[in-house]
Amino acid sequence: MAVVIKAEKRDENKNPRQVRAEGNLPATVYGKGKDSVSVQVNAKEFLTEYKKDVNATFDLKIDSKSMSVKVKDVQTNYRTGEKLNVQFVAV
């Protein structure tokens, strides 16, 4: 069973630091034959589910659409351990 995570399209006028200050993680969703989409997910919600199973398939709800994705990469600040960015691949 895929875990449902809510996402919002990211405002391109905000830089990633501002997105993280609001408690969200900037993320990118891409896949073969699909355009990449910049989104933001709730950091606490995502990290809680990601720590349970790093290989899980997530059901990402963007606005009214839903798509199955896997985590390709999570960028981390090596000094602080803070998560900076997530890359999702559509399955």
N, C-alpha and C. Protein backbone atom coordinates (compact mmCIF):
# COMPACT_ATOMS: atom_id res chain seq x y z
N MET A 1 0.83 -1.17 0.00
CA MET A 1 0.00 0.00 0.00
C MET A 1 0.89 1.24 0.00
N ALA A 2 0.63 2.12 -0.91
CA ALA A 2 1.43 3.34 -1.02
C ALA A 2 0.99 4.37 0.03
N VAL A 3 1.94 5.09 0.54
CA VAL A 3 1.68 6.14 1.52
C VAL A 3 1.31 7.41 0.77
N VAL A 4 0.23 8.07 1.19
CA VAL A 4 -0.24 9.28 0.53
C VAL A 4 0.46 10.49 1.15
N ILE A 5 1.05 11.32 0.29
CA ILE A 5 1.69 12.55 0.73
C ILE A 5 1.13 13.70 -0.11
N LYS A 6 0.72 14.76 0.55
CA LYS A 6 0.20 15.93 -0.16
C LYS A 6 1.36 16.81 -0.61
N ALA A 7 1.23 17.35 -1.82
CA ALA A 7 2.23 18.26 -2.36
C ALA A 7 1.52 19.44 -3.02
N GLU A 8 2.22 20.55 -3.08
CA GLU A 8 1.70 21.74 -3.75
C GLU A 8 2.72 22.16 -4.78
N LYS A 9 2.23 22.74 -5.88
CA LYS A 9 3.16 23.30 -6.85
C LYS A 9 3.91 24.43 -6.17
N ARG A 10 5.20 24.48 -6.43
CA ARG A 10 6.05 25.46 -5.75
C ARG A 10 6.00 26.81 -6.46
N ASP A 11 5.91 27.86 -5.68
CA ASP A 11 5.95 29.22 -6.21
C ASP A 11 7.38 29.50 -6.66
N GLU A 12 7.57 29.76 -7.94
CA GLU A 12 8.91 29.97 -8.49
C GLU A 12 9.54 31.26 -7.99
N ASN A 13 8.76 32.16 -7.39
CA ASN A 13 9.30 33.41 -6.87
C ASN A 13 10.00 33.23 -5.53
N LYS A 14 9.75 32.11 -4.87
CA LYS A 14 10.38 31.84 -3.58
C LYS A 14 11.62 30.97 -3.82
N ASN A 15 12.70 31.31 -3.12
CA ASN A 15 13.87 30.45 -3.24
C ASN A 15 13.74 29.29 -2.26
N PRO A 16 14.50 28.23 -2.44
CA PRO A 16 14.36 27.03 -1.59
C PRO A 16 14.53 27.31 -0.10
N ARG A 17 15.35 28.28 0.26
CA ARG A 17 15.54 28.60 1.67
C ARG A 17 14.23 29.10 2.29
N GLN A 18 13.48 29.90 1.53
CA GLN A 18 12.19 30.41 2.02
C GLN A 18 11.18 29.27 2.16
N VAL A 19 11.21 28.33 1.23
CA VAL A 19 10.30 27.18 1.28
C VAL A 19 10.59 26.35 2.54
N ARG A 20 11.88 26.10 2.81
CA ARG A 20 12.24 25.33 4.00
C ARG A 20 11.88 26.07 5.29
N ALA A 21 11.97 27.40 5.29
CA ALA A 21 11.64 28.19 6.48
C ALA A 21 10.16 28.06 6.83
N GLU A 22 9.32 27.76 5.84
CA GLU A 22 7.89 27.57 6.07
C GLU A 22 7.55 26.16 6.54
N GLY A 23 8.57 25.29 6.68
CA GLY A 23 8.34 23.93 7.13
C GLY A 23 8.11 22.94 6.00
N ASN A 24 8.44 23.35 4.78
CA ASN A 24 8.27 22.48 3.61
C ASN A 24 9.62 22.12 3.02
N LEU A 25 9.62 21.08 2.22
CA LEU A 25 10.81 20.67 1.49
C LEU A 25 10.58 20.91 0.00
N PRO A 26 11.50 21.58 -0.68
CA PRO A 26 11.37 21.69 -2.12
C PRO A 26 11.63 20.33 -2.75
N ALA A 27 10.89 20.03 -3.79
CA ALA A 27 11.03 18.73 -4.44
C ALA A 27 10.78 18.86 -5.93
N THR A 28 11.28 17.87 -6.68
CA THR A 28 11.07 17.82 -8.12
C THR A 28 10.53 16.44 -8.46
N VAL A 29 9.52 16.41 -9.31
CA VAL A 29 8.94 15.15 -9.78
C VAL A 29 9.22 15.05 -11.27
N TYR A 30 9.82 13.95 -11.67
CA TYR A 30 10.08 13.75 -13.09
C TYR A 30 9.95 12.28 -13.42
N GLY A 31 9.89 12.00 -14.71
CA GLY A 31 9.78 10.62 -15.16
C GLY A 31 9.89 10.56 -16.67
N LYS A 32 10.04 9.38 -17.18
CA LYS A 32 10.20 9.19 -18.61
C LYS A 32 8.94 9.65 -19.34
N GLY A 33 9.11 10.55 -20.30
CA GLY A 33 7.98 11.04 -21.08
C GLY A 33 7.12 12.06 -20.37
N LYS A 34 7.56 12.55 -19.20
CA LYS A 34 6.79 13.53 -18.45
C LYS A 34 7.65 14.76 -18.20
N ASP A 35 7.00 15.91 -18.17
CA ASP A 35 7.72 17.14 -17.83
C ASP A 35 8.00 17.15 -16.33
N SER A 36 9.13 17.74 -15.95
CA SER A 36 9.43 17.84 -14.52
C SER A 36 8.55 18.91 -13.90
N VAL A 37 8.19 18.68 -12.64
CA VAL A 37 7.32 19.60 -11.91
C VAL A 37 7.99 19.94 -10.59
N SER A 38 8.08 21.23 -10.30
CA SER A 38 8.62 21.67 -9.01
C SER A 38 7.48 21.75 -8.01
N VAL A 39 7.65 21.03 -6.90
CA VAL A 39 6.61 20.99 -5.87
C VAL A 39 7.25 21.21 -4.51
N GLN A 40 6.41 21.31 -3.50
CA GLN A 40 6.88 21.35 -2.12
C GLN A 40 6.02 20.40 -1.30
N VAL A 41 6.68 19.68 -0.39
CA VAL A 41 5.97 18.75 0.49
C VAL A 41 6.24 19.15 1.93
N ASN A 42 5.32 18.80 2.81
CA ASN A 42 5.50 19.07 4.23
C ASN A 42 6.69 18.25 4.72
N ALA A 43 7.70 18.92 5.25
CA ALA A 43 8.95 18.26 5.64
C ALA A 43 8.73 17.20 6.71
N LYS A 44 7.98 17.53 7.74
CA LYS A 44 7.78 16.60 8.86
C LYS A 44 7.03 15.35 8.40
N GLU A 45 5.96 15.56 7.63
CA GLU A 45 5.15 14.44 7.12
C GLU A 45 5.99 13.53 6.22
N PHE A 46 6.73 14.13 5.30
CA PHE A 46 7.54 13.33 4.38
C PHE A 46 8.64 12.57 5.11
N LEU A 47 9.39 13.24 5.96
CA LEU A 47 10.52 12.60 6.62
C LEU A 47 10.09 11.48 7.56
N THR A 48 8.92 11.63 8.20
CA THR A 48 8.40 10.57 9.07
C THR A 48 8.15 9.31 8.26
N GLU A 49 7.49 9.44 7.11
CA GLU A 49 7.19 8.29 6.27
C GLU A 49 8.44 7.75 5.58
N TYR A 50 9.34 8.64 5.18
CA TYR A 50 10.56 8.23 4.49
C TYR A 50 11.47 7.42 5.41
N LYS A 51 11.55 7.80 6.68
CA LYS A 51 12.40 7.07 7.62
C LYS A 51 11.87 5.66 7.90
N LYS A 52 10.55 5.47 7.79
CA LYS A 52 9.97 4.15 7.99
C LYS A 52 10.42 3.17 6.92
N ASP A 53 10.47 3.64 5.67
CA ASP A 53 10.87 2.78 4.56
C ASP A 53 11.41 3.65 3.43
N VAL A 54 12.73 3.65 3.25
CA VAL A 54 13.34 4.52 2.25
C VAL A 54 13.05 4.06 0.82
N ASN A 55 12.61 2.83 0.64
CA ASN A 55 12.31 2.30 -0.69
C ASN A 55 10.81 2.27 -0.98
N ALA A 56 10.02 2.93 -0.17
CA ALA A 56 8.57 2.90 -0.32
C ALA A 56 8.12 3.64 -1.57
N THR A 57 6.97 3.23 -2.06
CA THR A 57 6.31 3.95 -3.15
C THR A 57 5.30 4.90 -2.51
N PHE A 58 5.39 6.17 -2.88
CA PHE A 58 4.51 7.18 -2.33
C PHE A 58 3.45 7.54 -3.35
N ASP A 59 2.26 7.85 -2.87
CA ASP A 59 1.19 8.34 -3.71
C ASP A 59 1.16 9.85 -3.50
N LEU A 60 1.73 10.58 -4.44
CA LEU A 60 1.87 12.03 -4.32
C LEU A 60 0.64 12.72 -4.89
N LYS A 61 -0.05 13.48 -4.05
CA LYS A 61 -1.25 14.21 -4.48
C LYS A 61 -0.87 15.66 -4.75
N ILE A 62 -0.85 16.02 -6.03
CA ILE A 62 -0.54 17.38 -6.44
C ILE A 62 -1.84 18.00 -6.94
N ASP A 63 -2.34 19.00 -6.21
CA ASP A 63 -3.63 19.61 -6.50
C ASP A 63 -4.69 18.51 -6.53
N SER A 64 -5.31 18.24 -7.68
CA SER A 64 -6.33 17.20 -7.75
C SER A 64 -5.81 15.93 -8.39
N LYS A 65 -4.57 15.96 -8.89
CA LYS A 65 -3.98 14.78 -9.52
C LYS A 65 -3.22 13.95 -8.49
N SER A 66 -3.10 12.67 -8.79
CA SER A 66 -2.35 11.76 -7.93
C SER A 66 -1.43 10.92 -8.79
N MET A 67 -0.20 10.71 -8.33
CA MET A 67 0.73 9.88 -9.09
C MET A 67 1.61 9.07 -8.14
N SER A 68 1.99 7.89 -8.58
CA SER A 68 2.87 7.04 -7.80
C SER A 68 4.31 7.43 -8.08
N VAL A 69 5.08 7.61 -7.02
CA VAL A 69 6.47 8.03 -7.16
C VAL A 69 7.35 7.26 -6.18
N LYS A 70 8.64 7.22 -6.51
CA LYS A 70 9.65 6.70 -5.60
C LYS A 70 10.67 7.80 -5.38
N VAL A 71 11.35 7.76 -4.26
CA VAL A 71 12.38 8.75 -3.96
C VAL A 71 13.66 8.35 -4.68
N LYS A 72 14.16 9.23 -5.50
CA LYS A 72 15.42 8.99 -6.21
C LYS A 72 16.59 9.48 -5.37
N ASP A 73 16.43 10.67 -4.78
CA ASP A 73 17.54 11.26 -4.02
C ASP A 73 16.99 12.24 -2.99
N VAL A 74 17.64 12.29 -1.84
CA VAL A 74 17.35 13.30 -0.82
C VAL A 74 18.66 14.02 -0.55
N GLN A 75 18.70 15.31 -0.88
CA GLN A 75 19.91 16.10 -0.68
C GLN A 75 19.96 16.53 0.77
N THR A 76 21.12 16.33 1.41
CA THR A 76 21.27 16.62 2.83
C THR A 76 22.48 17.51 3.07
N ASN A 77 22.35 18.47 3.98
CA ASN A 77 23.48 19.28 4.39
C ASN A 77 24.36 18.39 5.26
N TYR A 78 25.58 18.15 4.84
CA TYR A 78 26.42 17.19 5.56
C TYR A 78 26.84 17.66 6.94
N ARG A 79 26.82 18.95 7.19
CA ARG A 79 27.20 19.44 8.52
C ARG A 79 26.06 19.37 9.52
N THR A 80 24.88 19.79 9.09
CA THR A 80 23.76 19.88 10.03
C THR A 80 22.81 18.68 9.95
N GLY A 81 22.84 17.95 8.84
CA GLY A 81 21.92 16.83 8.66
C GLY A 81 20.56 17.27 8.16
N GLU A 82 20.38 18.58 7.93
CA GLU A 82 19.11 19.10 7.44
C GLU A 82 18.86 18.63 6.01
N LYS A 83 17.63 18.21 5.76
CA LYS A 83 17.25 17.79 4.41
C LYS A 83 16.98 19.04 3.58
N LEU A 84 17.56 19.10 2.39
CA LEU A 84 17.49 20.31 1.57
C LEU A 84 16.54 20.18 0.38
N ASN A 85 16.48 19.00 -0.23
CA ASN A 85 15.74 18.83 -1.47
C ASN A 85 15.43 17.35 -1.68
N VAL A 86 14.34 17.06 -2.37
CA VAL A 86 13.95 15.68 -2.67
C VAL A 86 13.70 15.56 -4.17
N GLN A 87 14.14 14.45 -4.75
CA GLN A 87 13.85 14.16 -6.14
C GLN A 87 13.00 12.90 -6.19
N PHE A 88 11.82 13.05 -6.81
CA PHE A 88 10.90 11.93 -6.98
C PHE A 88 10.91 11.48 -8.44
N VAL A 89 10.81 10.18 -8.65
CA VAL A 89 10.68 9.63 -10.00
C VAL A 89 9.31 8.96 -10.11
N ALA A 90 8.56 9.34 -11.15
CA ALA A 90 7.24 8.73 -11.37
C ALA A 90 7.43 7.27 -11.74
N VAL A 91 6.59 6.41 -11.16
CA VAL A 91 6.67 4.97 -11.43
C VAL A 91 5.63 4.59 -12.44
